[in-house]
């Protein structure tokens, strides 16, 4: 029919475009996906573990009101990556994924940490900065605004 648009069933086109796989190829494909899924799960588990470790280390410094400097950030990174529990729970390959590449040098000074608008940070740095930012927000919310104090009343008044 000329002049009329015909709709093509895309699922049919799609089905014809998929090569037929043998049973062995299908098993290999399934195993490959399972391996990727397992690797992703292992990475997520290690990342959560490292974040927990960094949060605990940073919390000690926050409780002492130590500002986040480049030198402190490097110390937090060294302590977190040297954590024996972390090393014992994850294999060497996984641990290596969290090491900061030597091509990413950062200052080792007592200047305050400032990444600007960068969002590409080594994992430990990102976790530590996040903890400090959360603590800063909580502290800002806890400070009462001048004149915003309300008189407390006993029940029934």
Protein backbone atom coordinates (compact mmCIF):
# COMPACT_ATOMS: atom_id res chain seq x y z
CA UNK A 1 0.00 0.00 0.00
CA UNK A 2 1.74 3.09 -1.20
CA UNK A 3 1.09 6.26 0.67
CA UNK A 4 0.24 4.53 3.92
CA UNK A 5 2.70 4.15 6.73
CA UNK A 6 3.21 0.64 7.88
CA UNK A 7 4.34 -0.16 11.37
CA UNK A 8 7.09 -2.67 11.85
CA UNK A 9 6.97 -4.91 14.87
CA UNK A 10 10.29 -3.98 16.46
CA UNK A 11 10.42 -7.14 18.55
CA UNK A 12 10.41 -9.21 15.38
CA UNK A 13 13.25 -7.18 13.92
CA UNK A 14 15.10 -7.48 17.20
CA UNK A 15 14.63 -11.22 17.38
CA UNK A 16 16.02 -11.72 13.90
CA UNK A 17 19.04 -9.58 14.73
CA UNK A 18 20.16 -11.79 17.63
CA UNK A 19 22.60 -14.51 16.61
CA UNK A 20 21.67 -18.01 17.70
CA UNK A 21 23.85 -19.24 20.54
CA UNK A 22 24.76 -22.81 21.23
CA UNK A 23 24.22 -24.28 24.67
CA UNK A 24 27.91 -23.91 25.56
CA UNK A 25 27.94 -20.27 24.40
CA UNK A 26 24.81 -19.57 26.42
CA UNK A 27 26.39 -21.10 29.55
CA UNK A 28 29.53 -19.01 29.00
CA UNK A 29 27.44 -15.86 28.58
CA UNK A 30 25.48 -16.63 31.75
CA UNK A 31 28.69 -17.35 33.67
CA UNK A 32 30.23 -14.13 32.34
CA UNK A 33 27.24 -12.09 33.59
CA UNK A 34 27.29 -13.89 36.93
CA UNK A 35 31.02 -13.13 37.30
CA UNK A 36 30.39 -9.44 36.59
CA UNK A 37 27.55 -9.39 39.09
CA UNK A 38 29.69 -11.05 41.74
CA UNK A 39 32.58 -8.66 41.07
CA UNK A 40 30.26 -5.66 41.35
CA UNK A 41 28.84 -6.99 44.62
CA UNK A 42 32.34 -7.57 46.02
CA UNK A 43 33.36 -4.03 45.03
CA UNK A 44 30.25 -2.51 46.64
CA UNK A 45 30.88 -4.48 49.82
CA UNK A 46 34.50 -3.33 49.97
CA UNK A 47 33.50 0.28 49.27
CA UNK A 48 30.92 0.23 52.08
CA UNK A 49 33.48 -1.35 54.39
CA UNK A 50 36.08 1.31 53.54
CA UNK A 51 33.54 4.10 53.95
CA UNK A 52 32.65 2.80 57.43
CA UNK A 53 36.35 2.72 58.37
CA UNK A 54 36.94 6.26 57.05
CA UNK A 55 33.85 7.54 58.88
CA UNK A 56 35.15 6.16 62.17
CA UNK A 57 38.62 7.63 61.66
CA UNK A 58 37.28 11.04 60.59
CA UNK A 59 34.81 11.07 63.50
CA UNK A 60 37.73 10.95 65.96
CA UNK A 61 39.20 14.12 64.43
CA UNK A 62 35.82 15.84 64.15
CA UNK A 63 35.14 15.16 67.85
CA UNK A 64 38.45 16.90 68.64
CA UNK A 65 37.47 19.76 66.28
CA UNK A 66 40.51 19.18 64.06
CA UNK A 67 40.00 20.91 60.71
CA UNK A 68 40.37 18.88 57.52
CA UNK A 69 43.74 19.74 56.04
CA UNK A 70 45.62 18.07 53.22
CA UNK A 71 48.03 16.51 55.73
CA UNK A 72 45.15 15.11 57.80
CA UNK A 73 43.43 13.81 54.67
CA UNK A 74 46.59 11.89 53.74
CA UNK A 75 46.80 10.54 57.32
CA UNK A 76 43.17 9.37 57.20
CA UNK A 77 43.83 7.70 53.84
CA UNK A 78 46.95 5.93 55.12
CA UNK A 79 45.20 4.69 58.28
CA UNK A 80 42.09 3.51 56.42
CA UNK A 81 44.01 1.61 53.74
CA UNK A 82 46.30 0.05 56.37
CA UNK A 83 43.35 -1.19 58.44
CA UNK A 84 44.05 -4.85 59.13
CA UNK A 85 40.38 -5.77 59.25
CA UNK A 86 39.82 -4.24 55.83
CA UNK A 87 42.86 -6.05 54.43
CA UNK A 88 41.73 -9.37 55.88
CA UNK A 89 38.17 -9.09 54.52
CA UNK A 90 39.12 -8.27 50.92
CA UNK A 91 41.64 -9.72 48.47
CA UNK A 92 44.70 -7.83 47.22
CA UNK A 93 43.14 -7.04 43.85
CA UNK A 94 40.15 -5.42 45.53
CA UNK A 95 42.40 -3.47 47.92
CA UNK A 96 44.37 -2.18 44.95
CA UNK A 97 41.25 -0.64 43.45
CA UNK A 98 41.08 1.78 46.39
CA UNK A 99 44.73 2.87 46.26
CA UNK A 100 45.17 6.43 45.01
CA UNK A 101 47.05 6.38 41.70
CA UNK A 102 50.48 7.99 41.93
CA UNK A 103 49.49 10.10 38.92
CA UNK A 104 47.05 11.94 41.23
CA UNK A 105 49.35 13.90 43.55
CA UNK A 106 47.70 16.08 46.16
CA UNK A 107 49.37 18.65 48.43
CA UNK A 108 50.66 17.49 51.81
CA UNK A 109 50.34 20.80 53.61
CA UNK A 110 48.41 22.14 56.57
CA UNK A 111 46.20 24.18 54.23
CA UNK A 112 42.47 23.47 54.36
CA UNK A 113 41.27 20.91 51.82
CA UNK A 114 39.66 22.45 48.76
CA UNK A 115 38.78 20.39 45.72
CA UNK A 116 36.93 23.20 44.03
CA UNK A 117 34.33 21.83 41.64
CA UNK A 118 36.16 18.53 41.15
CA UNK A 119 34.08 15.42 41.52
CA UNK A 120 36.83 12.95 40.65
CA UNK A 121 38.31 12.08 44.01
CA UNK A 122 40.02 8.99 45.35
CA UNK A 123 37.54 6.95 47.38
CA UNK A 124 39.04 7.64 50.81
CA UNK A 125 39.25 11.37 50.10
CA UNK A 126 35.63 11.46 48.96
CA UNK A 127 34.46 9.56 52.05
CA UNK A 128 36.42 11.80 54.43
CA UNK A 129 35.25 15.03 52.79
CA UNK A 130 31.67 13.75 52.93
CA UNK A 131 31.93 13.04 56.66
CA UNK A 132 33.37 16.51 57.34
CA UNK A 133 30.67 18.17 55.22
CA UNK A 134 27.94 16.26 57.09
CA UNK A 135 29.45 17.30 60.44
CA UNK A 136 29.61 20.91 59.26
CA UNK A 137 25.93 20.85 58.22
CA UNK A 138 24.88 19.29 61.55
CA UNK A 139 26.87 21.88 63.48
CA UNK A 140 25.31 24.71 61.46
CA UNK A 141 21.82 23.37 62.16
CA UNK A 142 22.52 22.96 65.87
CA UNK A 143 23.49 26.60 66.36
CA UNK A 144 20.34 28.50 67.35
CA UNK A 145 19.62 31.69 65.47
CA UNK A 146 19.78 34.83 67.66
CA UNK A 147 16.28 35.60 68.93
CA UNK A 148 14.90 32.24 67.87
CA UNK A 149 15.03 30.81 71.38
CA UNK A 150 11.60 30.04 72.73
CA UNK A 151 10.62 29.90 76.33
CA UNK A 152 9.81 26.40 77.40
CA UNK A 153 6.53 25.91 79.20
CA UNK A 154 5.42 23.23 81.56
CA UNK A 155 2.39 21.19 80.55
CA UNK A 156 -0.88 22.90 81.40
CA UNK A 157 0.44 26.48 81.27
